[in-house]
Protein backbone atom coordinates (compact mmCIF):
# COMPACT_ATOMS: atom_id res chain seq x y z
CA MET A 1 -9.45 69.57 69.47
CA PRO A 2 -5.99 69.02 70.32
CA THR A 3 -5.29 69.84 73.77
CA ASP A 4 -2.21 71.99 75.28
CA ALA A 5 -0.93 68.34 77.10
CA ASP A 6 -1.68 66.90 73.23
CA ARG A 7 0.48 69.76 71.73
CA LYS A 8 3.13 69.41 74.19
CA LEU A 9 3.37 65.53 73.78
CA ALA A 10 3.73 66.25 70.19
CA ALA A 11 6.28 68.79 70.36
CA ARG A 12 8.43 66.24 73.11
CA LEU A 13 9.02 63.82 69.92
CA LEU A 14 11.14 66.60 67.85
CA CYS A 15 14.52 67.63 67.50
CA VAL A 16 14.60 70.37 65.31
CA GLY A 17 17.21 72.93 63.25
CA PHE A 18 17.36 76.41 62.81
CA ALA A 19 19.19 78.51 60.40
CA GLY A 20 20.71 81.51 63.03
CA THR A 21 24.12 81.62 64.85
CA VAL A 22 21.38 82.65 67.85
CA VAL A 23 18.66 82.02 69.22
CA ASP A 24 15.91 83.24 67.10
CA ASP A 25 12.58 83.61 66.78
CA SER A 26 11.76 80.33 64.65
CA LEU A 27 13.79 78.55 67.18
CA ARG A 28 11.91 80.60 70.51
CA GLU A 29 8.83 79.43 68.98
CA MET A 30 9.46 75.65 68.91
CA LEU A 31 11.62 75.53 72.53
CA HIS A 32 7.87 77.38 73.70
CA ALA A 33 6.18 74.62 72.25
CA GLY A 34 8.10 72.10 74.10
CA VAL A 35 10.89 69.97 71.66
CA SER A 36 13.00 67.78 72.98
CA GLY A 37 16.37 68.58 71.13
CA VAL A 38 18.28 70.79 68.84
CA ILE A 39 20.53 69.98 66.06
CA LEU A 40 23.37 72.17 65.22
CA PHE A 41 24.99 72.45 61.67
CA ALA A 42 27.54 74.56 60.37
CA ARG A 43 25.43 77.46 59.34
CA ASN A 44 24.72 77.75 63.20
CA ALA A 45 28.66 77.34 64.44
CA THR A 46 31.90 76.06 62.72
CA THR A 47 33.95 76.36 65.93
CA HIS A 48 34.30 74.30 69.28
CA ALA A 49 34.11 77.70 71.28
CA GLY A 50 31.01 78.98 69.30
CA ALA A 51 29.12 76.05 68.96
CA GLY A 52 29.52 75.63 73.36
CA GLU A 53 28.20 79.25 73.88
CA LEU A 54 25.21 78.96 71.45
CA VAL A 55 24.27 75.67 72.72
CA ARG A 56 24.28 76.96 76.63
CA ALA A 57 22.31 79.77 75.72
CA ILE A 58 19.45 77.41 73.69
CA LYS A 59 19.14 75.52 76.92
CA SER A 60 19.08 78.31 79.24
CA GLU A 61 16.32 79.85 77.05
CA SER A 62 14.47 76.50 77.19
CA ALA A 63 14.73 76.14 80.93
CA ALA A 64 13.54 79.88 81.33
CA LEU A 65 10.63 78.81 79.61
CA GLY A 66 10.03 75.83 82.43
CA ASN A 67 10.21 73.55 79.61
CA PRO A 68 11.78 69.85 80.80
CA LYS A 69 15.46 69.37 80.18
CA ILE A 70 16.50 69.12 76.16
CA PHE A 71 19.05 67.71 74.32
CA ALA A 72 21.98 69.22 72.03
CA SER A 73 23.01 67.08 68.85
CA ILE A 74 25.09 67.31 66.08
CA ASP A 75 26.40 65.02 63.14
CA HIS A 76 30.37 64.82 63.57
CA GLU A 77 31.47 61.55 61.72
CA GLY A 78 34.89 62.68 60.74
CA GLY A 79 36.00 62.88 57.53
CA ARG A 80 33.47 65.19 55.60
CA VAL A 81 30.54 64.85 57.57
CA VAL A 82 31.64 67.39 60.31
CA ARG A 83 30.11 70.61 61.30
CA LEU A 84 32.67 72.02 63.71
CA VAL A 85 36.11 72.63 62.13
CA GLU A 86 38.28 75.03 64.09
CA GLY A 87 38.98 73.84 67.95
CA MET A 88 38.33 70.25 67.10
CA THR A 89 40.94 67.41 66.40
CA ILE A 90 40.58 66.36 62.62
CA PHE A 91 39.90 62.49 61.48
CA PRO A 92 39.98 60.93 58.27
CA PRO A 93 37.14 59.23 56.89
CA MET A 94 35.98 55.97 59.20
CA ARG A 95 36.74 54.03 56.01
CA GLU A 96 40.53 54.83 56.82
CA VAL A 97 39.81 53.23 60.77
CA GLY A 98 38.10 50.29 59.24
CA ALA A 99 41.35 49.87 56.91
CA LEU A 100 43.76 49.33 59.82
CA GLY A 101 42.89 45.25 60.21
CA VAL A 102 44.02 44.28 63.70
CA GLY A 103 44.35 47.93 64.95
CA SER A 104 40.90 49.32 63.32
CA SER A 105 38.81 48.51 66.77
CA ALA A 106 41.18 50.11 68.82
CA GLU A 107 42.08 53.03 66.75
CA ALA A 108 37.47 53.38 66.58
CA ALA A 109 37.82 53.61 70.07
CA ARG A 110 40.39 56.24 69.97
CA ILE A 111 38.26 58.19 67.90
CA GLY A 112 35.22 57.74 69.81
CA LYS A 113 37.04 59.07 73.10
CA ILE A 114 38.17 62.04 71.65
CA PHE A 115 34.31 62.97 70.16
CA ALA A 116 32.88 62.64 73.55
CA ARG A 117 35.56 64.66 75.32
CA GLU A 118 35.41 67.67 72.54
CA LEU A 119 32.07 67.28 71.82
CA ARG A 120 31.07 67.23 75.73
CA ALA A 121 33.18 70.37 76.21
CA ALA A 122 30.91 72.07 73.72
CA ASN A 123 27.71 71.19 75.45
CA PHE A 124 26.53 68.51 73.32
CA ASP A 125 24.85 65.41 74.35
CA VAL A 126 24.00 63.36 71.04
CA ASP A 127 25.88 62.78 68.24
CA PHE A 128 24.59 61.09 65.48
CA ALA A 129 27.47 58.81 64.60
CA PRO A 130 28.60 56.13 64.06
CA VAL A 131 27.38 55.06 60.48
CA VAL A 132 27.25 51.81 60.41
CA ASP A 133 26.23 50.81 57.15
CA VAL A 134 28.17 48.16 55.11
CA ASP A 135 29.99 50.16 51.99
CA SER A 136 28.76 47.28 49.61
CA ASN A 137 27.86 49.99 46.55
CA ALA A 138 30.85 51.46 44.19
CA ALA A 139 28.43 53.48 43.25
CA ASN A 140 26.67 54.65 46.68
CA PRO A 141 26.59 58.48 46.34
CA VAL A 142 26.22 59.40 50.06
CA ILE A 143 28.01 56.92 52.24
CA GLY A 144 30.95 55.10 50.71
CA ALA A 145 34.17 56.53 52.67
CA ARG A 146 31.84 57.66 55.29
CA SER A 147 31.61 53.48 56.29
CA PHE A 148 34.16 51.70 57.84
CA SER A 149 34.56 49.11 55.76
CA SER A 150 32.54 46.86 53.12
CA ASP A 151 32.65 43.62 55.26
CA PRO A 152 29.86 43.44 58.29
CA LYS A 153 32.45 42.05 60.34
CA VAL A 154 34.50 44.84 60.60
CA VAL A 155 31.88 47.31 60.57
CA SER A 156 30.47 45.39 63.42
CA GLN A 157 33.75 45.57 65.42
CA CYS A 158 34.52 49.22 64.52
CA ALA A 159 31.43 50.56 65.43
CA THR A 160 31.08 48.18 69.10
CA ALA A 161 34.70 50.43 69.89
CA PHE A 162 33.57 53.69 68.77
CA ILE A 163 30.14 53.63 70.72
CA GLN A 164 31.44 52.12 74.00
CA ALA A 165 34.41 54.56 74.07
CA MET A 166 31.91 57.56 73.22
CA GLN A 167 28.92 56.79 75.63
CA ALA A 168 31.57 55.99 78.25
CA GLY A 169 32.76 60.07 77.46
CA GLY A 170 28.86 60.94 78.21
CA VAL A 171 27.99 61.42 74.71
CA ALA A 172 25.08 59.22 73.56
CA ALA A 173 26.05 57.92 69.75
CA CYS A 174 23.69 56.73 67.26
CA ALA A 175 23.87 54.21 65.18
CA LYS A 176 22.68 55.04 61.22
CA HIS A 177 20.70 54.30 58.87
CA PHE A 178 18.76 51.04 59.70
CA PRO A 179 18.39 49.03 58.32
CA GLY A 180 21.13 49.89 55.94
CA HIS A 181 21.86 52.86 53.37
CA GLY A 182 25.47 51.08 52.22
CA ASP A 183 23.66 49.43 49.02
CA THR A 184 22.03 52.33 47.28
CA ASP A 185 22.96 53.92 44.18
CA ILE A 186 20.55 57.13 44.88
CA ASP A 187 20.86 59.55 47.74
CA SER A 188 17.81 60.19 49.69
CA HIS A 189 18.26 63.52 50.49
CA LEU A 190 17.08 63.56 46.82
CA ASP A 191 15.05 60.78 46.28
CA LEU A 192 13.68 57.46 47.53
CA PRO A 193 16.00 54.50 47.35
CA LEU A 194 14.49 50.93 47.23
CA LEU A 195 16.76 47.85 48.04
CA PRO A 196 15.62 44.71 46.36
CA HIS A 197 17.54 42.09 48.30
CA ALA A 198 15.50 39.18 49.69
CA ILE A 199 15.68 39.06 53.55
CA ASP A 200 18.52 36.31 54.05
CA ARG A 201 20.47 38.79 51.89
CA LEU A 202 19.67 41.63 54.52
CA ARG A 203 20.03 39.47 57.42
CA ALA A 204 24.04 38.43 56.54
CA THR A 205 25.16 42.12 55.09
CA GLU A 206 23.16 44.81 56.30
CA ILE A 207 21.64 44.27 59.84
CA PRO A 208 24.44 42.48 61.74
CA PRO A 209 26.12 46.03 62.62
CA PHE A 210 22.90 46.97 64.07
CA ILE A 211 22.71 43.84 65.98
CA ALA A 212 26.54 44.58 67.22
CA ALA A 213 25.15 47.98 68.15
CA ALA A 214 22.33 47.08 70.03
CA ARG A 215 24.48 44.75 72.06
CA ALA A 216 27.31 47.17 72.88
CA GLY A 217 24.53 49.23 74.40
CA VAL A 218 24.03 52.20 71.84
CA ALA A 219 21.73 54.73 73.01
CA SER A 220 19.88 55.51 69.86
CA ILE A 221 19.56 54.30 66.17
CA MET A 222 18.39 56.18 63.18
CA THR A 223 16.33 54.92 60.40
CA ALA A 224 16.92 55.14 56.90
CA HIS A 225 14.21 56.41 54.32
CA VAL A 226 14.88 53.33 52.32
CA VAL A 227 12.62 50.86 50.64
CA PHE A 228 13.18 47.33 52.10
CA GLU A 229 11.12 45.42 49.02
CA ALA A 230 11.56 41.69 51.08
CA VAL A 231 10.40 43.40 54.30
CA ASP A 232 8.23 45.79 53.60
CA PRO A 233 7.23 46.68 49.65
CA GLY A 234 6.83 50.38 48.75
CA ILE A 235 7.20 51.95 52.16
CA PRO A 236 10.46 53.58 53.42
CA ALA A 237 11.83 51.90 56.53
CA THR A 238 11.10 55.42 58.54
CA MET A 239 7.33 54.65 58.11
CA SER A 240 7.70 50.71 58.17
CA ARG A 241 6.13 49.08 61.50
CA LYS A 242 7.39 46.15 60.00
CA VAL A 243 11.00 47.32 59.85
CA ILE A 244 11.11 49.04 63.06
CA GLU A 245 8.85 47.36 65.19
CA GLY A 246 8.90 44.03 63.65
CA VAL A 247 13.19 43.80 63.15
CA LEU A 248 14.52 46.52 65.26
CA ARG A 249 12.63 46.22 68.32
CA ASN A 250 11.33 42.52 67.85
CA GLU A 251 14.10 40.48 66.08
CA ILE A 252 16.97 42.58 67.60
CA GLY A 253 15.67 43.64 70.59
CA PHE A 254 16.36 47.31 70.79
CA ASP A 255 14.70 49.52 73.32
CA GLY A 256 16.36 52.64 72.82
CA VAL A 257 15.65 55.94 70.90
CA VAL A 258 14.90 55.27 67.28
CA PHE A 259 15.37 58.62 65.18
CA SER A 260 14.00 59.53 62.01
CA ASP A 261 16.65 60.52 59.57
CA ASP A 262 15.77 64.23 58.42
CA LEU A 263 11.71 64.14 57.09
CA GLU A 264 12.78 67.17 54.94
CA MET A 265 14.88 64.97 52.80
CA GLY A 266 13.33 64.61 49.15
CA ALA A 267 12.68 60.74 49.81
CA ILE A 268 9.87 61.99 52.24
CA ALA A 269 9.06 65.49 51.68
CA ASP A 270 8.73 65.08 47.79
CA ARG A 271 6.29 62.63 48.71
CA MET A 272 3.96 63.98 51.30
CA GLY A 273 3.57 66.74 53.82
CA ILE A 274 5.41 66.55 56.99
CA GLY A 275 2.65 66.07 58.99
CA GLU A 276 1.57 63.23 57.09
CA ALA A 277 5.24 61.70 57.58
CA ALA A 278 5.35 62.44 61.04
CA ILE A 279 1.88 60.72 61.61
CA ARG A 280 3.21 57.75 60.11
CA ALA A 281 6.85 57.74 61.37
CA ILE A 282 5.82 57.50 64.82
CA ASP A 283 2.96 55.29 64.81
CA ALA A 284 5.39 53.09 62.38
CA GLY A 285 7.79 53.18 66.32
CA VAL A 286 9.92 56.07 65.58
CA ASP A 287 10.57 57.75 68.80
CA CYS A 288 12.49 61.47 67.78
CA LEU A 289 11.70 63.44 64.72
CA LEU A 290 14.36 65.24 62.79
CA VAL A 291 12.94 68.35 61.51
CA CYS A 292 16.14 70.34 60.67
CA HIS A 293 15.33 73.41 58.90
CA ARG A 294 11.83 74.71 57.84
CA ILE A 295 9.82 76.26 61.01
CA ASP A 296 6.78 76.43 58.59
CA ARG A 297 7.03 72.53 58.57
CA GLN A 298 8.15 71.87 62.06
CA ARG A 299 4.86 73.95 62.87
CA GLU A 300 2.94 71.50 60.55
CA ALA A 301 4.53 68.37 62.41
CA VAL A 302 3.44 69.29 65.79
CA ASP A 303 0.10 70.39 64.82
CA ALA A 304 -0.21 67.08 62.62
CA LEU A 305 0.43 64.98 65.30
CA SER A 306 -1.16 66.45 68.48
CA GLN A 307 -4.66 66.70 66.01
CA ALA A 308 -3.77 62.67 65.72
CA ILE A 309 -3.06 61.89 68.88
CA ALA A 310 -6.63 64.02 69.77
CA SER A 311 -8.67 62.01 67.78
CA GLY A 312 -6.83 58.94 68.17
CA ARG A 313 -5.60 57.92 64.63
CA LEU A 314 -2.02 57.88 67.01
CA SER A 315 -2.09 55.68 69.95
CA ARG A 316 -1.46 57.94 72.79
CA ALA A 317 0.06 55.41 74.22
CA ARG A 318 2.83 55.18 71.60
CA ALA A 319 3.27 58.98 71.44
CA MET A 320 3.82 58.30 75.27
CA GLN A 321 6.34 55.50 74.76
CA ALA A 322 8.04 57.45 72.53
CA ALA A 323 8.72 60.31 74.81
CA GLU A 324 9.48 58.10 77.69
CA ARG A 325 12.08 56.37 75.62
CA ILE A 326 13.63 60.13 74.52
CA GLU A 327 13.13 61.18 78.45
CA LYS A 328 15.50 58.29 79.55
CA LEU A 329 18.28 59.11 76.79
CA ILE A 330 17.90 62.90 78.13
CA LYS A 331 18.14 61.95 81.79
CA THR A 332 21.27 59.66 81.24
CA TYR A 333 23.53 62.04 78.65
CA ALA A 334 21.74 65.63 78.46
CA ARG A 335 23.68 68.00 80.54
């Protein structure tokens, strides 16, 4: 049977979303369980002031429960992927930034600096940006203009400038979606994409921007729910030790936090239970799991992880390693 310590460790590996515009019972339950972070969407707040007040309330509630410090996160990329509209500077999609030629890096840095200032003022600690996928497939339904460019060098240069500027402003960046979602023609929110490219092509096109992000000191990287046949046939990157430990950790040398993309996306949730997905992702090397919507699935993830830790199916050392990476990010960026 899992101990209280097992459950606290398991919960600490989650970042959760919730439905309300206030701290509701579902979120309060997850805060009591001991999650490490929360993610806000437009359903929670659309104004800068409203988001700031809500995040302050969430952090206060968590502290009152005696929890360690938590982080607040958001998807704020510019273009169509923004949650807050009132009180924020509006920017075009990053494709327009990458198209500026020699001025691309300077503009990316300017935007990163503004993002940090505005998000920091609203009490956010982590921004799930930038997208460093290479826009190499015109039929891609989910990346497209969110990418800086179809040229890996331009993506790398812009991402480096953006990451360094935003993190200098006190907000942790997250390069996504490793090892590359740019050449898919399926949206992983709906189904599981597969990339059949040879490893040489991945190393030439998809992976260089992640190498650049790691060298720039990016605080975190998010996995893609995409199967890369040349690396680990049939296994989504989020659950592939060969992708995360083999390529990201060992080849690239990244030692920051690895976030999963939302485990409730169709690519994962339509194929297995959230509990099983959570165990497999942490075991593969993911540190923090996004479970963005349903309280029943959040409970399932905590239950499954705590049972796996107690039984030995999931190494306690692996879970502790993940928690320690999260704590390091929190210590550096959470306010």
